Amino acid sequence: MKYFLTIFLLVLLFSSQAQQPMDKLQKRSQSVFVYKTSAANAEKFIKWDSIPLQQFEAAPIFKVLSADSIDADQLPVGHYVLVRIVDNEVVTSLENISKLVAYPANNTHHLQIEVRNNDGDFVNDAEVFIAGKKATYHPASLSYMARQKMVGKHL
């Protein structure tokens, strides 16, 4: 009886410490790490179509958000890199918070861009660049126009 009880306790001890099945493991992070970055770096990340994580290993975390409800309104104006885990992979995304909205309009001759703030008011003192050249402001149309024709070929 002692041997049976000893063997039973050993089996119970080893079975209770067995590894969890892989399909029951959590595959998503509960938090999203937010790192602040510069506009120049954000532009590089867009051109490269990737975000090098090595750059943020030693950087301080700007904010930690809940992964279930990421609210960009909690962040002030600026450029941010969001890092989270999804399906056991590190996923990064670039978030740009701005108080301006650009609306493009194509009038078949020149590209026009309307710049408005969050309230919908027109902004007439912005610096707008189209295909690397500064656009001129036209008060009659309340928009910025490209100086060159056929901008679509040069973008």
C-alpha atoms as a PDB file:
ATOM      1  CA  MET A   1       0.000   0.000   0.000  1.00  0.00           C
ATOM      2  CA  LYS A   2       2.903   2.357   0.783  1.00  0.00           C
ATOM      3  CA  TYR A   3       4.439   1.674  -2.606  1.00  0.00           C
ATOM      4  CA  PHE A   4       1.144   2.293  -4.378  1.00  0.00           C
ATOM      5  CA  LEU A   5       0.656   5.586  -2.485  1.00  0.00           C
ATOM      6  CA  THR A   6       4.260   6.670  -3.229  1.00  0.00           C
ATOM      7  CA  ILE A   7       3.924   5.888  -6.947  1.00  0.00           C
ATOM      8  CA  PHE A   8       0.550   7.636  -7.076  1.00  0.00           C
ATOM      9  CA  LEU A   9       2.008  10.795  -5.476  1.00  0.00           C
ATOM     10  CA  LEU A  10       4.994  10.777  -7.848  1.00  0.00           C
ATOM     11  CA  VAL A  11       2.739  10.460 -10.909  1.00  0.00           C
ATOM     12  CA  LEU A  12       0.511  13.229  -9.569  1.00  0.00           C
ATOM     13  CA  LEU A  13       3.547  15.454  -8.924  1.00  0.00           C
ATOM     14  CA  PHE A  14       4.993  15.000 -12.424  1.00  0.00           C
ATOM     15  CA  SER A  15       1.664  15.335 -14.218  1.00  0.00           C
ATOM     16  CA  SER A  16       0.864  18.590 -12.416  1.00  0.00           C
ATOM     17  CA  GLN A  17       4.130  20.122 -13.640  1.00  0.00           C
ATOM     18  CA  ALA A  18       3.600  19.141 -17.280  1.00  0.00           C
ATOM     19  CA  GLN A  19       3.853  21.831 -19.945  1.00  0.00           C
ATOM     20  CA  GLN A  20       0.702  23.599 -21.118  1.00  0.00           C
ATOM     21  CA  PRO A  21      -0.560  22.770 -24.600  1.00  0.00           C
ATOM     22  CA  MET A  22       0.659  25.279 -27.183  1.00  0.00           C
ATOM     23  CA  ASP A  23      -2.842  26.029 -28.480  1.00  0.00           C
ATOM     24  CA  LYS A  24      -3.891  27.328 -25.041  1.00  0.00           C
ATOM     25  CA  LEU A  25      -1.017  29.799 -24.704  1.00  0.00           C
ATOM     26  CA  GLN A  26      -1.688  33.508 -25.016  1.00  0.00           C
ATOM     27  CA  LYS A  27      -0.626  34.666 -28.476  1.00  0.00           C
ATOM     28  CA  ARG A  28      -1.182  38.409 -28.075  1.00  0.00           C
ATOM     29  CA  SER A  29       0.380  40.999 -25.852  1.00  0.00           C
ATOM     30  CA  GLN A  30      -1.818  42.747 -23.336  1.00  0.00           C
ATOM     31  CA  SER A  31       0.020  46.036 -23.808  1.00  0.00           C
ATOM     32  CA  VAL A  32       1.290  48.163 -26.670  1.00  0.00           C
ATOM     33  CA  PHE A  33       4.556  50.022 -26.193  1.00  0.00           C
ATOM     34  CA  VAL A  34       4.589  53.502 -27.717  1.00  0.00           C
ATOM     35  CA  TYR A  35       7.905  55.117 -28.683  1.00  0.00           C
ATOM     36  CA  LYS A  36       8.210  58.738 -29.830  1.00  0.00           C
ATOM     37  CA  THR A  37      10.219  59.302 -33.018  1.00  0.00           C
ATOM     38  CA  SER A  38      11.167  62.270 -35.165  1.00  0.00           C
ATOM     39  CA  ALA A  39       9.506  63.316 -38.423  1.00  0.00           C
ATOM     40  CA  ALA A  40      12.717  62.552 -40.310  1.00  0.00           C
ATOM     41  CA  ASN A  41      12.801  59.000 -38.930  1.00  0.00           C
ATOM     42  CA  ALA A  42       9.095  58.545 -39.677  1.00  0.00           C
ATOM     43  CA  GLU A  43       9.722  59.558 -43.291  1.00  0.00           C
ATOM     44  CA  LYS A  44      12.597  57.055 -43.531  1.00  0.00           C
ATOM     45  CA  PHE A  45      10.408  54.268 -42.105  1.00  0.00           C
ATOM     46  CA  ILE A  46       7.760  54.998 -44.747  1.00  0.00           C
ATOM     47  CA  LYS A  47      10.343  54.976 -47.573  1.00  0.00           C
ATOM     48  CA  TRP A  48      11.949  51.768 -46.280  1.00  0.00           C
ATOM     49  CA  ASP A  49       8.548  50.144 -45.611  1.00  0.00           C
ATOM     50  CA  SER A  50      10.001  48.767 -42.374  1.00  0.00           C
ATOM     51  CA  ILE A  51      10.827  49.920 -38.860  1.00  0.00           C
ATOM     52  CA  PRO A  52      14.177  48.807 -37.398  1.00  0.00           C
ATOM     53  CA  LEU A  53      13.464  47.688 -33.826  1.00  0.00           C
ATOM     54  CA  GLN A  54      17.127  47.921 -32.803  1.00  0.00           C
ATOM     55  CA  GLN A  55      16.717  51.682 -32.744  1.00  0.00           C
ATOM     56  CA  PHE A  56      14.159  51.427 -29.928  1.00  0.00           C
ATOM     57  CA  GLU A  57      15.828  48.803 -27.707  1.00  0.00           C
ATOM     58  CA  ALA A  58      17.499  51.386 -25.480  1.00  0.00           C
ATOM     59  CA  ALA A  59      14.963  54.180 -26.059  1.00  0.00           C
ATOM     60  CA  PRO A  60      12.582  55.108 -23.254  1.00  0.00           C
ATOM     61  CA  ILE A  61       8.971  54.013 -23.633  1.00  0.00           C
ATOM     62  CA  PHE A  62       6.776  57.079 -24.158  1.00  0.00           C
ATOM     63  CA  LYS A  63       3.514  55.418 -23.102  1.00  0.00           C
ATOM     64  CA  VAL A  64       2.009  51.977 -22.540  1.00  0.00           C
ATOM     65  CA  LEU A  65      -1.496  51.445 -23.943  1.00  0.00           C
ATOM     66  CA  SER A  66      -3.900  48.550 -23.605  1.00  0.00           C
ATOM     67  CA  ALA A  67      -3.754  46.297 -26.670  1.00  0.00           C
ATOM     68  CA  ASP A  68      -7.519  45.836 -26.668  1.00  0.00           C
ATOM     69  CA  SER A  69      -8.336  49.517 -27.019  1.00  0.00           C
ATOM     70  CA  ILE A  70      -5.644  51.617 -28.671  1.00  0.00           C
ATOM     71  CA  ASP A  71      -6.887  55.200 -28.640  1.00  0.00           C
ATOM     72  CA  ALA A  72      -4.702  57.527 -30.683  1.00  0.00           C
ATOM     73  CA  ASP A  73      -6.486  60.514 -29.123  1.00  0.00           C
ATOM     74  CA  GLN A  74      -4.545  59.828 -25.917  1.00  0.00           C
ATOM     75  CA  LEU A  75      -1.310  60.764 -27.695  1.00  0.00           C
ATOM     76  CA  PRO A  76      -0.199  64.367 -28.252  1.00  0.00           C
ATOM     77  CA  VAL A  77       0.764  65.700 -31.682  1.00  0.00           C
ATOM     78  CA  GLY A  78       3.816  63.891 -33.059  1.00  0.00           C
ATOM     79  CA  HIS A  79       5.131  60.693 -34.671  1.00  0.00           C
ATOM     80  CA  TYR A  80       5.021  57.382 -32.793  1.00  0.00           C
ATOM     81  CA  VAL A  81       6.080  53.770 -33.270  1.00  0.00           C
ATOM     82  CA  LEU A  82       3.702  51.225 -31.733  1.00  0.00           C
ATOM     83  CA  VAL A  83       5.130  47.803 -30.828  1.00  0.00           C
ATOM     84  CA  ARG A  84       2.967  44.793 -29.919  1.00  0.00           C
ATOM     85  CA  ILE A  85       2.907  40.998 -30.132  1.00  0.00           C
ATOM     86  CA  VAL A  86       0.355  39.315 -32.436  1.00  0.00           C
ATOM     87  CA  ASP A  87       0.411  35.555 -33.070  1.00  0.00           C
ATOM     88  CA  ASN A  88       3.857  35.221 -31.494  1.00  0.00           C
ATOM     89  CA  GLU A  89       5.356  37.849 -33.829  1.00  0.00           C
ATOM     90  CA  VAL A  90       6.539  41.373 -33.075  1.00  0.00           C
ATOM     91  CA  VAL A  91       4.355  43.826 -35.014  1.00  0.00           C
ATOM     92  CA  THR A  92       5.289  47.485 -35.376  1.00  0.00           C
ATOM     93  CA  SER A  93       3.270  50.322 -36.837  1.00  0.00           C
ATOM     94  CA  LEU A  94       3.804  54.016 -37.392  1.00  0.00           C
ATOM     95  CA  GLU A  95       1.228  56.452 -36.034  1.00  0.00           C
ATOM     96  CA  ASN A  96       1.147  60.144 -36.971  1.00  0.00           C
ATOM     97  CA  ILE A  97      -0.966  62.474 -34.851  1.00  0.00           C
ATOM     98  CA  SER A  98      -1.584  65.837 -36.491  1.00  0.00           C
ATOM     99  CA  LYS A  99      -3.998  68.722 -36.210  1.00  0.00           C
ATOM    100  CA  LEU A 100      -3.990  69.153 -39.989  1.00  0.00           C
ATOM    101  CA  VAL A 101      -5.772  67.271 -42.768  1.00  0.00           C
ATOM    102  CA  ALA A 102      -4.743  67.471 -46.442  1.00  0.00           C
ATOM    103  CA  TYR A 103      -7.405  66.940 -49.096  1.00  0.00           C
ATOM    104  CA  PRO A 104      -6.055  66.421 -52.642  1.00  0.00           C
ATOM    105  CA  ALA A 105      -8.067  67.629 -55.617  1.00  0.00           C
ATOM    106  CA  ASN A 106      -7.116  67.008 -59.230  1.00  0.00           C
ATOM    107  CA  ASN A 107      -8.391  69.638 -61.653  1.00  0.00           C
ATOM    108  CA  THR A 108      -6.813  67.828 -64.677  1.00  0.00           C
ATOM    109  CA  HIS A 109      -4.173  70.568 -65.091  1.00  0.00           C
ATOM    110  CA  HIS A 110      -2.576  71.024 -61.682  1.00  0.00           C
ATOM    111  CA  LEU A 111      -2.773  69.123 -58.445  1.00  0.00           C
ATOM    112  CA  GLN A 112      -4.541  71.129 -55.736  1.00  0.00           C
ATOM    113  CA  ILE A 113      -4.296  70.403 -52.020  1.00  0.00           C
ATOM    114  CA  GLU A 114      -6.611  71.865 -49.415  1.00  0.00           C
ATOM    115  CA  VAL A 115      -5.124  71.999 -45.927  1.00  0.00           C
ATOM    116  CA  ARG A 116      -7.591  72.181 -43.036  1.00  0.00           C
ATOM    117  CA  ASN A 117      -7.367  71.957 -39.277  1.00  0.00           C
ATOM    118  CA  ASN A 118      -9.439  69.656 -37.035  1.00  0.00           C
ATOM    119  CA  ASP A 119     -12.274  72.199 -36.964  1.00  0.00           C
ATOM    120  CA  GLY A 120     -12.495  72.211 -40.783  1.00  0.00           C
ATOM    121  CA  ASP A 121     -11.072  75.721 -41.178  1.00  0.00           C
ATOM    122  CA  PHE A 122      -8.718  76.373 -44.108  1.00  0.00           C
ATOM    123  CA  VAL A 123      -5.020  76.839 -43.288  1.00  0.00           C
ATOM    124  CA  ASN A 124      -3.335  79.433 -45.497  1.00  0.00           C
ATOM    125  CA  ASP A 125       0.123  79.613 -43.886  1.00  0.00           C
ATOM    126  CA  ALA A 126       1.315  76.006 -44.239  1.00  0.00           C
ATOM    127  CA  GLU A 127       4.376  74.895 -46.170  1.00  0.00           C
ATOM    128  CA  VAL A 128       3.217  72.354 -48.736  1.00  0.00           C
ATOM    129  CA  PHE A 129       5.630  70.424 -50.947  1.00  0.00           C
ATOM    130  CA  ILE A 130       4.504  68.439 -53.976  1.00  0.00           C
ATOM    131  CA  ALA A 131       7.060  66.191 -55.681  1.00  0.00           C
ATOM    132  CA  GLY A 132       9.818  67.973 -53.769  1.00  0.00           C
ATOM    133  CA  LYS A 133       8.824  71.480 -54.887  1.00  0.00           C
ATOM    134  CA  LYS A 134       7.059  74.071 -52.769  1.00  0.00           C
ATOM    135  CA  ALA A 135       3.433  74.604 -53.747  1.00  0.00           C
ATOM    136  CA  THR A 136       1.947  78.101 -54.031  1.00  0.00           C
ATOM    137  CA  TYR A 137      -1.146  79.212 -52.130  1.00  0.00           C
ATOM    138  CA  HIS A 138      -4.108  80.503 -54.168  1.00  0.00           C
ATOM    139  CA  PRO A 139      -6.521  82.528 -52.032  1.00  0.00           C
ATOM    140  CA  ALA A 140      -9.345  82.302 -54.595  1.00  0.00           C
ATOM    141  CA  SER A 141      -9.543  78.506 -54.322  1.00  0.00           C
ATOM    142  CA  LEU A 142      -8.279  78.333 -50.701  1.00  0.00           C
ATOM    143  CA  SER A 143      -5.823  75.658 -51.793  1.00  0.00           C
ATOM    144  CA  TYR A 144      -2.206  75.026 -52.652  1.00  0.00           C
ATOM    145  CA  MET A 145      -1.311  74.255 -56.275  1.00  0.00           C
ATOM    146  CA  ALA A 146       1.648  72.440 -57.729  1.00  0.00           C
ATOM    147  CA  ARG A 147       3.869  74.581 -59.925  1.00  0.00           C
ATOM    148  CA  GLN A 148       4.521  71.806 -62.405  1.00  0.00           C
ATOM    149  CA  LYS A 149       1.970  70.147 -64.677  1.00  0.00           C
ATOM    150  CA  MET A 150       1.321  66.405 -64.708  1.00  0.00           C
ATOM    151  CA  VAL A 151       2.426  65.878 -61.119  1.00  0.00           C
ATOM    152  CA  GLY A 152       1.228  62.262 -61.128  1.00  0.00           C
ATOM    153  CA  LYS A 153       4.146  61.242 -63.352  1.00  0.00           C
ATOM    154  CA  HIS A 154       6.678  62.733 -60.934  1.00  0.00           C
ATOM    155  CA  LEU A 155       5.329  61.506 -57.586  1.00  0.00           C
END
